[in-house]
N, C-alpha and C. Protein backbone atom coordinates (compact mmCIF):
# COMPACT_ATOMS: atom_id res chain seq x y z
N UNK A 1 37.01 77.38 157.54
CA UNK A 1 35.77 77.44 158.97
C UNK A 1 36.17 74.96 158.62
N UNK A 2 35.97 74.92 159.79
CA UNK A 2 36.79 73.89 160.44
C UNK A 2 35.20 72.93 160.65
N UNK A 3 36.35 71.27 160.20
CA UNK A 3 34.86 70.36 160.66
C UNK A 3 34.02 70.36 162.41
N UNK A 4 35.21 71.06 163.14
CA UNK A 4 35.10 70.87 164.37
C UNK A 4 34.02 71.94 164.66
N UNK A 5 34.24 73.02 163.86
CA UNK A 5 33.43 74.28 164.06
C UNK A 5 32.12 73.80 163.08
N UNK A 6 31.27 73.30 162.32
CA UNK A 6 30.70 71.88 161.53
C UNK A 6 29.39 71.58 163.20
N UNK A 7 30.33 71.59 163.05
CA UNK A 7 29.50 70.19 164.35
C UNK A 7 29.40 70.55 165.69
N UNK A 8 29.58 71.53 165.82
CA UNK A 8 29.50 71.95 167.23
C UNK A 8 27.79 72.64 167.78
N UNK A 9 26.87 72.21 168.71
CA UNK A 9 25.86 72.63 168.92
C UNK A 9 25.66 74.30 169.08
N UNK A 10 25.25 74.53 168.48
CA UNK A 10 24.78 76.24 168.72
C UNK A 10 24.24 76.50 169.72
N UNK A 11 24.29 77.70 170.42
CA UNK A 11 23.86 78.75 171.26
C UNK A 11 22.23 78.72 171.33
N UNK A 12 21.07 78.26 171.47
CA UNK A 12 20.73 79.46 171.59
C UNK A 12 19.42 79.43 172.55
N UNK A 13 18.40 80.94 172.24
CA UNK A 13 17.80 81.98 173.21
C UNK A 13 16.38 81.33 172.92
N UNK A 14 15.63 80.89 173.63
CA UNK A 14 13.80 81.00 173.12
C UNK A 14 13.38 81.85 173.78
N UNK A 15 12.26 82.57 174.11
CA UNK A 15 11.68 83.40 175.02
C UNK A 15 10.39 83.08 173.93
N UNK A 16 9.40 82.82 175.80
CA UNK A 16 8.08 82.31 175.28
C UNK A 16 7.76 83.02 176.76
N UNK A 17 6.24 83.24 176.56
CA UNK A 17 5.37 84.08 177.08
C UNK A 17 5.04 83.13 178.98
N UNK A 18 4.67 83.93 179.65
CA UNK A 18 4.68 83.40 180.06
C UNK A 18 5.52 82.11 181.41
N UNK A 19 4.48 81.65 182.17
CA UNK A 19 5.31 80.83 183.08
C UNK A 19 5.83 79.36 183.26
N UNK A 20 7.07 78.02 182.39
CA UNK A 20 7.09 77.04 181.77
C UNK A 20 6.55 76.01 183.67
N UNK A 21 6.03 75.60 183.73
CA UNK A 21 6.33 74.75 185.25
C UNK A 21 7.63 73.49 185.25
N UNK A 22 7.72 73.17 186.31
CA UNK A 22 8.85 72.59 186.25
C UNK A 22 8.81 71.17 185.93
N UNK A 23 7.92 70.84 185.31
CA UNK A 23 7.46 69.21 185.05
C UNK A 23 6.90 69.50 183.60
N UNK A 24 7.33 70.26 183.53
CA UNK A 24 7.78 70.63 181.08
C UNK A 24 8.92 70.91 181.27
N UNK A 25 10.20 71.01 181.92
CA UNK A 25 11.58 70.93 182.24
C UNK A 25 11.48 70.34 180.78
N UNK A 26 11.56 68.78 181.37
CA UNK A 26 12.55 67.39 180.17
C UNK A 26 12.54 67.38 179.01
N UNK A 27 10.97 68.04 178.80
CA UNK A 27 10.92 68.54 177.86
C UNK A 27 11.30 69.47 176.32
N UNK A 28 12.39 69.43 177.07
CA UNK A 28 13.16 70.68 175.41
C UNK A 28 14.63 70.37 176.48
N UNK A 29 14.90 69.79 176.08
CA UNK A 29 16.69 69.12 175.96
C UNK A 29 17.10 69.71 177.05
N UNK A 30 16.70 68.89 178.22
CA UNK A 30 18.49 69.62 179.40
C UNK A 30 19.24 71.13 178.90
N UNK A 31 18.33 72.51 178.44
CA UNK A 31 17.96 73.88 178.45
C UNK A 31 17.88 74.42 180.22
N UNK A 32 18.32 75.44 179.60
CA UNK A 32 17.93 75.99 181.30
C UNK A 32 16.79 76.26 180.77
N UNK A 33 15.47 77.19 182.06
CA UNK A 33 14.77 77.83 182.50
C UNK A 33 15.45 78.59 183.80
N UNK A 34 14.64 79.86 183.18
CA UNK A 34 14.92 81.26 183.77
C UNK A 34 13.55 82.26 182.89
N UNK A 35 12.51 82.32 185.10
CA UNK A 35 11.55 83.41 183.95
C UNK A 35 11.77 84.77 184.84
N UNK A 36 11.01 86.15 183.89
CA UNK A 36 11.14 87.47 183.97
C UNK A 36 10.10 87.87 184.24
N UNK A 37 9.72 88.73 185.44
CA UNK A 37 8.47 88.66 185.01
C UNK A 37 9.07 90.33 184.56
N UNK A 38 8.71 91.85 183.92
CA UNK A 38 8.53 92.52 183.90
C UNK A 38 7.72 94.04 184.43
N UNK A 39 8.33 94.86 183.93
CA UNK A 39 7.81 95.93 184.69
C UNK A 39 6.58 95.73 185.05
N UNK A 40 5.58 96.16 183.93
CA UNK A 40 4.47 96.25 183.76
C UNK A 40 3.79 94.32 184.07
N UNK A 41 4.73 93.56 184.63
CA UNK A 41 3.54 92.44 185.57
C UNK A 41 4.39 91.89 184.52
N UNK A 42 3.91 91.53 182.77
CA UNK A 42 4.20 90.28 182.51
C UNK A 42 5.27 89.37 182.50
N UNK A 43 5.24 87.53 182.60
CA UNK A 43 6.20 87.34 183.07
C UNK A 43 6.69 86.38 181.76
N UNK A 44 7.70 86.14 181.71
CA UNK A 44 8.18 84.96 180.44
C UNK A 44 9.87 84.62 180.39
N UNK A 45 9.66 83.22 179.98
CA UNK A 45 10.17 81.99 179.88
C UNK A 45 11.43 81.94 178.91
N UNK A 46 12.37 81.43 179.60
CA UNK A 46 13.15 81.93 178.69
C UNK A 46 13.80 81.10 178.81
N UNK A 47 14.29 79.72 177.94
CA UNK A 47 14.73 78.94 177.30
C UNK A 47 16.19 79.13 176.58
N UNK A 48 17.41 79.03 177.21
CA UNK A 48 19.24 79.11 176.49
C UNK A 48 19.85 78.04 176.99
N UNK A 49 20.10 77.60 175.56
CA UNK A 49 21.51 76.12 176.42
C UNK A 49 21.85 75.12 174.47
N UNK A 50 23.06 75.35 174.76
CA UNK A 50 23.22 74.09 172.48
C UNK A 50 22.19 73.39 172.24
N UNK A 51 21.45 73.57 171.22
CA UNK A 51 21.22 72.84 170.46
C UNK A 51 21.57 71.90 169.45
N UNK A 52 21.39 70.74 169.25
CA UNK A 52 22.59 69.83 168.41
C UNK A 52 22.78 70.83 166.96
N UNK A 53 21.03 70.41 166.58
CA UNK A 53 21.87 70.84 164.80
C UNK A 53 19.65 71.38 164.53
N UNK A 54 20.09 71.99 164.41
CA UNK A 54 17.76 71.69 163.25
C UNK A 54 17.21 71.13 163.52
N UNK A 55 17.41 69.95 163.17
CA UNK A 55 16.50 69.51 163.03
C UNK A 55 15.57 69.11 165.03
N UNK A 56 16.54 69.49 165.68
CA UNK A 56 16.26 69.43 167.28
C UNK A 56 15.93 70.92 167.71
N UNK A 57 16.34 71.82 167.39
CA UNK A 57 15.51 72.61 167.24
C UNK A 57 14.50 72.56 166.40
N UNK A 58 14.27 71.96 164.76
CA UNK A 58 11.86 72.57 164.98
C UNK A 58 11.78 71.88 166.01
N UNK A 59 12.12 70.50 166.86
CA UNK A 59 11.41 69.67 167.76
C UNK A 59 11.51 70.51 169.11
N UNK A 60 11.95 71.40 169.84
CA UNK A 60 11.55 72.73 170.47
C UNK A 60 10.61 73.57 169.99
N UNK A 61 10.36 74.23 168.89
CA UNK A 61 9.59 74.18 168.58
C UNK A 61 8.41 73.83 169.20
N UNK A 62 8.79 72.57 167.62
CA UNK A 62 7.12 71.50 167.97
C UNK A 62 6.74 71.29 169.08
N UNK A 63 7.45 71.63 170.87
CA UNK A 63 6.58 71.14 171.54
C UNK A 63 6.33 72.48 171.93
N UNK A 64 6.96 73.39 171.94
CA UNK A 64 6.03 74.89 172.22
C UNK A 64 5.05 74.69 171.85
N UNK A 65 4.63 75.36 170.38
CA UNK A 65 3.27 74.69 169.34
C UNK A 65 2.35 73.58 170.69
N UNK A 66 3.23 72.09 170.47
CA UNK A 66 1.89 71.30 171.17
C UNK A 66 1.77 71.61 172.19
N UNK A 67 2.40 71.99 173.57
CA UNK A 67 2.09 73.02 174.17
C UNK A 67 1.05 73.73 174.26
N UNK A 68 1.09 74.42 173.88
CA UNK A 68 -0.01 76.14 173.22
C UNK A 68 0.54 77.13 174.04
N UNK A 69 1.31 76.81 173.71
CA UNK A 69 2.95 78.59 174.48
C UNK A 69 3.14 79.71 173.25
N UNK A 70 2.95 80.35 173.68
CA UNK A 70 3.23 82.33 173.20
C UNK A 70 5.34 81.59 172.17
N UNK A 71 5.44 81.87 171.55
CA UNK A 71 6.61 81.90 170.73
C UNK A 71 6.33 83.41 171.04
N UNK A 72 7.90 83.88 171.70
CA UNK A 72 8.14 85.60 172.21
C UNK A 72 9.40 86.06 170.46
N UNK A 73 10.92 84.57 170.99
CA UNK A 73 11.46 84.79 170.15
C UNK A 73 12.09 83.70 170.07
N UNK A 74 12.83 83.71 169.15
CA UNK A 74 14.14 82.78 169.28
C UNK A 74 15.39 83.57 168.88
N UNK A 75 16.71 82.97 168.92
CA UNK A 75 18.19 84.24 169.40
C UNK A 75 18.87 82.39 168.99
N UNK A 76 19.71 82.93 167.66
CA UNK A 76 20.85 82.14 168.42
C UNK A 76 22.03 83.38 168.87
N UNK A 77 22.65 82.26 169.92
CA UNK A 77 23.46 82.98 170.85
C UNK A 77 25.18 83.20 170.51
N UNK A 78 26.59 83.91 170.14
CA UNK A 78 27.72 84.32 170.27
C UNK A 78 28.06 83.31 170.73
N UNK A 79 28.51 82.31 170.07
CA UNK A 79 29.61 81.18 171.11
C UNK A 79 30.56 81.24 171.62
N UNK A 80 31.20 82.34 170.91
CA UNK A 80 32.24 83.54 171.50
C UNK A 80 32.15 83.52 172.96
N UNK A 81 30.79 84.13 173.70
CA UNK A 81 30.50 84.81 174.58
C UNK A 81 29.54 84.08 175.28
N UNK A 82 29.02 83.07 175.09
CA UNK A 82 28.06 81.69 175.67
C UNK A 82 28.82 80.47 175.99
N UNK A 83 28.62 79.97 177.12
CA UNK A 83 29.18 79.09 176.64
C UNK A 83 28.12 77.87 176.52
N UNK A 84 28.57 76.63 175.48
CA UNK A 84 27.04 75.94 174.85
C UNK A 84 27.12 75.46 176.37
N UNK A 85 28.10 74.65 177.18
CA UNK A 85 27.43 73.40 178.11
C UNK A 85 26.72 74.38 179.60
N UNK A 86 26.88 75.25 179.39
CA UNK A 86 26.75 75.68 181.00
C UNK A 86 25.66 77.43 180.23
N UNK A 87 25.97 78.09 179.04
CA UNK A 87 24.93 79.27 178.94
C UNK A 87 25.24 80.41 180.28
């Protein structure tokens, strides 16, 4: 593993229950927010994008907790298939 690989941000997908209001988007360090509605009518928001390190990831998760949002899943995406800058 090279030094560049160790320092590269990892790409995460964070899924929460419900709709994330647009006014809260700045709280999530530029992650792309997409809202989906399932066939059963449930609505989820998925935040996707690069996260520089574990401290930043925990900061995002802390914000989700502080906003009283229900966390559904956190997934580290394969950087080979997801562009960390554009996802």
